[in-house]
C-alpha atoms as a PDB file:
ATOM      1  CA  MET A   1     171.844 315.603 119.031  1.00  0.00           C
ATOM      2  CA  THR A   2     169.033 312.924 120.431  1.00  0.00           C
ATOM      3  CA  PHE A   3     166.515 311.489 117.492  1.00  0.00           C
ATOM      4  CA  ASN A   4     165.737 308.542 119.179  1.00  0.00           C
ATOM      5  CA  SER A   5     166.698 306.803 122.890  1.00  0.00           C
ATOM      6  CA  ASP A   6     169.206 308.940 124.891  1.00  0.00           C
ATOM      7  CA  ASP A   7     171.535 305.784 125.595  1.00  0.00           C
ATOM      8  CA  GLU A   8     174.570 307.206 123.339  1.00  0.00           C
ATOM      9  CA  LYS A   9     174.331 310.427 125.195  1.00  0.00           C
ATOM     10  CA  LYS A  10     174.163 308.451 128.934  1.00  0.00           C
ATOM     11  CA  ALA A  11     177.055 306.745 127.833  1.00  0.00           C
ATOM     12  CA  LEU A  12     178.851 309.792 126.854  1.00  0.00           C
ATOM     13  CA  GLN A  13     178.169 311.781 130.299  1.00  0.00           C
ATOM     14  CA  SER A  14     179.127 308.771 132.408  1.00  0.00           C
ATOM     15  CA  VAL A  15     182.569 309.411 130.556  1.00  0.00           C
ATOM     16  CA  TYR A  16     182.420 313.102 131.957  1.00  0.00           C
ATOM     17  CA  SER A  17     180.829 312.644 135.027  1.00  0.00           C
ATOM     18  CA  GLY A  18     183.030 313.784 136.976  1.00  0.00           C
ATOM     19  CA  ASP A  19     184.570 316.730 135.353  1.00  0.00           C
ATOM     20  CA  PRO A  20     182.581 320.046 136.573  1.00  0.00           C
ATOM     21  CA  SER A  21     183.450 322.032 133.013  1.00  0.00           C
ATOM     22  CA  VAL A  22     181.449 319.698 131.134  1.00  0.00           C
ATOM     23  CA  THR A  23     178.099 320.673 130.202  1.00  0.00           C
ATOM     24  CA  PHE A  24     175.626 318.600 127.779  1.00  0.00           C
ATOM     25  CA  THR A  25     172.919 320.662 125.937  1.00  0.00           C
ATOM     26  CA  GLU A  26     169.996 319.127 124.114  1.00  0.00           C
ATOM     27  CA  LEU A  27     169.696 320.917 120.220  1.00  0.00           C
ATOM     28  CA  VAL A  28     166.416 318.478 119.319  1.00  0.00           C
ATOM     29  CA  PRO A  29     163.517 320.099 121.104  1.00  0.00           C
ATOM     30  CA  SER A  30     160.891 317.675 122.299  1.00  0.00           C
ATOM     31  CA  SER A  31     158.612 319.842 119.721  1.00  0.00           C
ATOM     32  CA  LYS A  32     157.927 319.675 116.454  1.00  0.00           C
ATOM     33  CA  ASP A  33     159.527 323.019 115.583  1.00  0.00           C
ATOM     34  CA  PRO A  34     160.362 322.465 111.953  1.00  0.00           C
ATOM     35  CA  ALA A  35     163.064 325.707 112.583  1.00  0.00           C
ATOM     36  CA  TRP A  36     164.560 323.444 115.620  1.00  0.00           C
ATOM     37  CA  LEU A  37     168.131 323.525 113.824  1.00  0.00           C
ATOM     38  CA  GLN A  38     168.277 326.923 112.988  1.00  0.00           C
ATOM     39  CA  LYS A  39     167.321 328.052 116.621  1.00  0.00           C
ATOM     40  CA  ALA A  40     170.050 325.331 117.611  1.00  0.00           C
ATOM     41  CA  CYS A  41     172.716 327.238 115.205  1.00  0.00           C
ATOM     42  CA  GLN A  42     171.500 330.834 116.399  1.00  0.00           C
ATOM     43  CA  SER A  43     171.707 329.690 119.976  1.00  0.00           C
ATOM     44  CA  GLN A  44     175.524 330.774 119.854  1.00  0.00           C
ATOM     45  CA  ILE A  45     176.257 327.460 121.490  1.00  0.00           C
ATOM     46  CA  LYS A  46     179.678 326.323 121.354  1.00  0.00           C
ATOM     47  CA  CYS A  47     180.330 322.561 120.863  1.00  0.00           C
ATOM     48  CA  ASP A  48     183.387 320.846 121.659  1.00  0.00           C
ATOM     49  CA  ILE A  49     181.638 317.387 121.102  1.00  0.00           C
ATOM     50  CA  LEU A  50     178.827 316.852 118.796  1.00  0.00           C
ATOM     51  CA  LEU A  51     176.869 313.556 119.404  1.00  0.00           C
ATOM     52  CA  VAL A  52     174.075 313.069 116.919  1.00  0.00           C
ATOM     53  CA  SER A  53     172.124 309.778 117.831  1.00  0.00           C
ATOM     54  CA  GLY A  54     169.135 308.337 116.587  1.00  0.00           C
ATOM     55  CA  HIS A  55     168.051 306.065 113.610  1.00  0.00           C
ATOM     56  CA  PHE A  56     169.631 306.708 110.717  1.00  0.00           C
ATOM     57  CA  GLY A  57     168.735 305.770 107.037  1.00  0.00           C
ATOM     58  CA  GLY A  58     170.399 308.287 105.236  1.00  0.00           C
ATOM     59  CA  LEU A  59     168.851 311.029 107.958  1.00  0.00           C
ATOM     60  CA  PHE A  60     168.752 310.833 111.433  1.00  0.00           C
ATOM     61  CA  PHE A  61     165.270 310.253 112.940  1.00  0.00           C
ATOM     62  CA  GLY A  62     163.545 308.749 115.713  1.00  0.00           C
ATOM     63  CA  GLU A  63     160.777 306.523 116.415  1.00  0.00           C
ATOM     64  CA  LYS A  64     157.392 308.200 115.066  1.00  0.00           C
ATOM     65  CA  THR A  65     159.136 311.394 115.871  1.00  0.00           C
ATOM     66  CA  ILE A  66     159.930 314.987 114.370  1.00  0.00           C
ATOM     67  CA  PRO A  67     162.558 316.603 113.641  1.00  0.00           C
ATOM     68  CA  THR A  68     164.922 314.670 111.591  1.00  0.00           C
ATOM     69  CA  LEU A  69     168.411 315.442 110.398  1.00  0.00           C
ATOM     70  CA  SER A  70     169.545 314.676 106.826  1.00  0.00           C
ATOM     71  CA  MET A  71     173.274 314.025 106.088  1.00  0.00           C
ATOM     72  CA  ASP A  72     172.556 316.710 103.194  1.00  0.00           C
ATOM     73  CA  GLU A  73     171.596 319.000 106.317  1.00  0.00           C
ATOM     74  CA  MET A  74     174.584 318.371 107.867  1.00  0.00           C
ATOM     75  CA  LEU A  75     176.948 319.051 105.002  1.00  0.00           C
ATOM     76  CA  SER A  76     175.568 322.225 104.231  1.00  0.00           C
ATOM     77  CA  GLN A  77     175.437 323.729 107.810  1.00  0.00           C
ATOM     78  CA  SER A  78     179.315 322.151 108.428  1.00  0.00           C
ATOM     79  CA  CYS A  79     180.397 324.996 105.992  1.00  0.00           C
ATOM     80  CA  SER A  80     178.081 327.811 107.359  1.00  0.00           C
ATOM     81  CA  ASN A  81     179.218 330.230 109.268  1.00  0.00           C
ATOM     82  CA  GLU A  82     175.822 330.545 110.892  1.00  0.00           C
ATOM     83  CA  CYS A  83     176.169 327.080 112.676  1.00  0.00           C
ATOM     84  CA  ASN A  84     179.942 327.205 113.050  1.00  0.00           C
ATOM     85  CA  GLY A  85     179.443 326.628 117.021  1.00  0.00           C
ATOM     86  CA  VAL A  86     177.256 323.664 116.334  1.00  0.00           C
ATOM     87  CA  PHE A  87     179.309 322.008 113.466  1.00  0.00           C
ATOM     88  CA  GLY A  88     182.894 323.606 113.965  1.00  0.00           C
ATOM     89  CA  ALA A  89     182.973 320.936 116.787  1.00  0.00           C
ATOM     90  CA  LYS A  90     186.793 319.337 117.296  1.00  0.00           C
ATOM     91  CA  SER A  91     184.753 315.880 117.476  1.00  0.00           C
ATOM     92  CA  VAL A  92     181.980 314.477 115.909  1.00  0.00           C
ATOM     93  CA  TYR A  93     180.274 311.323 116.806  1.00  0.00           C
ATOM     94  CA  LEU A  94     177.470 309.988 114.483  1.00  0.00           C
ATOM     95  CA  MET A  95     175.578 307.093 116.531  1.00  0.00           C
ATOM     96  CA  GLY A  96     173.097 305.333 114.570  1.00  0.00           C
ATOM     97  CA  CYS A  97     171.971 302.317 112.776  1.00  0.00           C
ATOM     98  CA  ASN A  98     173.776 302.054 109.316  1.00  0.00           C
ATOM     99  CA  THR A  99     175.651 304.976 109.702  1.00  0.00           C
ATOM    100  CA  LEU A 100     178.736 303.391 108.235  1.00  0.00           C
ATOM    101  CA  ALA A 101     176.745 300.537 106.929  1.00  0.00           C
ATOM    102  CA  SER A 102     178.154 299.144 103.291  1.00  0.00           C
ATOM    103  CA  LYS A 103     176.369 297.557 100.711  1.00  0.00           C
ATOM    104  CA  LYS A 104     177.052 294.307 101.907  1.00  0.00           C
ATOM    105  CA  ALA A 105     173.898 292.027 102.428  1.00  0.00           C
ATOM    106  CA  ASP A 106     172.864 292.102 105.945  1.00  0.00           C
ATOM    107  CA  HIS A 107     169.946 290.229 107.859  1.00  0.00           C
ATOM    108  CA  ARG A 108     166.997 291.901 106.109  1.00  0.00           C
ATOM    109  CA  ASN A 109     166.246 292.367 102.429  1.00  0.00           C
ATOM    110  CA  ILE A 110     165.112 295.747 101.285  1.00  0.00           C
ATOM    111  CA  ASP A 111     161.373 294.823 101.803  1.00  0.00           C
ATOM    112  CA  GLU A 112     161.945 294.101 105.299  1.00  0.00           C
ATOM    113  CA  TYR A 113     163.811 297.660 105.664  1.00  0.00           C
ATOM    114  CA  LEU A 114     161.155 299.242 104.119  1.00  0.00           C
ATOM    115  CA  ARG A 115     158.529 298.118 106.761  1.00  0.00           C
ATOM    116  CA  VAL A 116     160.575 299.155 109.143  1.00  0.00           C
ATOM    117  CA  LEU A 117     160.828 302.650 108.216  1.00  0.00           C
ATOM    118  CA  VAL A 118     157.280 302.793 107.489  1.00  0.00           C
ATOM    119  CA  GLY A 119     156.933 301.465 110.919  1.00  0.00           C
ATOM    120  CA  ASP A 120     158.945 304.028 112.474  1.00  0.00           C
ATOM    121  CA  GLY A 121     156.655 306.465 111.092  1.00  0.00           C
ATOM    122  CA  PHE A 122     158.421 307.562 107.616  1.00  0.00           C
ATOM    123  CA  PRO A 123     156.110 308.618 104.622  1.00  0.00           C
ATOM    124  CA  LEU A 124     156.445 305.647 102.222  1.00  0.00           C
ATOM    125  CA  GLU A 125     158.167 307.650  99.265  1.00  0.00           C
ATOM    126  CA  ASN A 126     160.806 308.919 101.683  1.00  0.00           C
ATOM    127  CA  ALA A 127     161.096 305.536 103.274  1.00  0.00           C
ATOM    128  CA  GLU A 128     161.519 303.663  99.665  1.00  0.00           C
ATOM    129  CA  MET A 129     164.295 306.526  98.776  1.00  0.00           C
ATOM    130  CA  VAL A 130     166.270 305.313 102.545  1.00  0.00           C
ATOM    131  CA  ALA A 131     165.947 301.690 101.544  1.00  0.00           C
ATOM    132  CA  ALA A 132     166.964 302.210  97.882  1.00  0.00           C
ATOM    133  CA  ALA A 133     170.004 303.976  98.930  1.00  0.00           C
ATOM    134  CA  ARG A 134     170.933 301.450 101.741  1.00  0.00           C
ATOM    135  CA  TYR A 135     170.298 298.285  99.576  1.00  0.00           C
ATOM    136  CA  ALA A 136     170.457 299.464  95.775  1.00  0.00           C
ATOM    137  CA  ASP A 137     173.435 298.740  93.444  1.00  0.00           C
ATOM    138  CA  PHE A 138     174.633 302.348  93.514  1.00  0.00           C
ATOM    139  CA  GLY A 139     176.311 304.647  96.076  1.00  0.00           C
ATOM    140  CA  ALA A 140     176.339 308.213  96.694  1.00  0.00           C
ATOM    141  CA  LEU A 141     179.969 310.717  97.629  1.00  0.00           C
ATOM    142  CA  LEU A 142     179.116 313.541  99.945  1.00  0.00           C
ATOM    143  CA  LYS A 143     181.962 315.696 100.553  1.00  0.00           C
ATOM    144  CA  THR A 144     181.178 319.623 101.318  1.00  0.00           C
ATOM    145  CA  LYS A 145     183.097 322.037  99.472  1.00  0.00           C
ATOM    146  CA  CYS A 146     184.617 323.672 102.683  1.00  0.00           C
ATOM    147  CA  GLY A 147     185.981 319.640 103.319  1.00  0.00           C
ATOM    148  CA  ARG A 148     184.670 319.338 106.988  1.00  0.00           C
ATOM    149  CA  PHE A 149     182.739 316.562 106.221  1.00  0.00           C
ATOM    150  CA  PHE A 150     183.367 313.091 104.141  1.00  0.00           C
ATOM    151  CA  HIS A 151     180.834 310.371 103.853  1.00  0.00           C
ATOM    152  CA  ARG A 152     181.290 307.652 101.359  1.00  0.00           C
ATOM    153  CA  ARG A 153     179.016 304.759 101.237  1.00  0.00           C
ATOM    154  CA  ASN A 154     180.102 301.840  98.733  1.00  0.00           C
END
């Protein structure tokens, strides 16, 4: 699932370039189809490896692009039999800025991060929520009932 540049996908493809049994399938369309995830799930594709790549601020996104993929959607779909082919992968790679970020200070303050998100096309209200989740003194514990994904922000 490529939401921004395809650098990570190319890196993974280079690892498997000599293996004819490996097929890469892009699940994120270039269109703004709001039903893209549902269609990917209904495609009956079975992923051994799922690579999700893009900017990350509580959800995966690209610069000025739609679609997006939130952690809530991933958590929900990870337990869904309808999307087991995609989210039932043996290995999942989440590659994006801040995917494993803690609450530690970095080179930006909350206002600078907010400007980056708005500049990347986030509506201000959404950008404020993402920035607060990244820089505020509270965190979230996300765990599915089926236990497939576990993500903790400190």
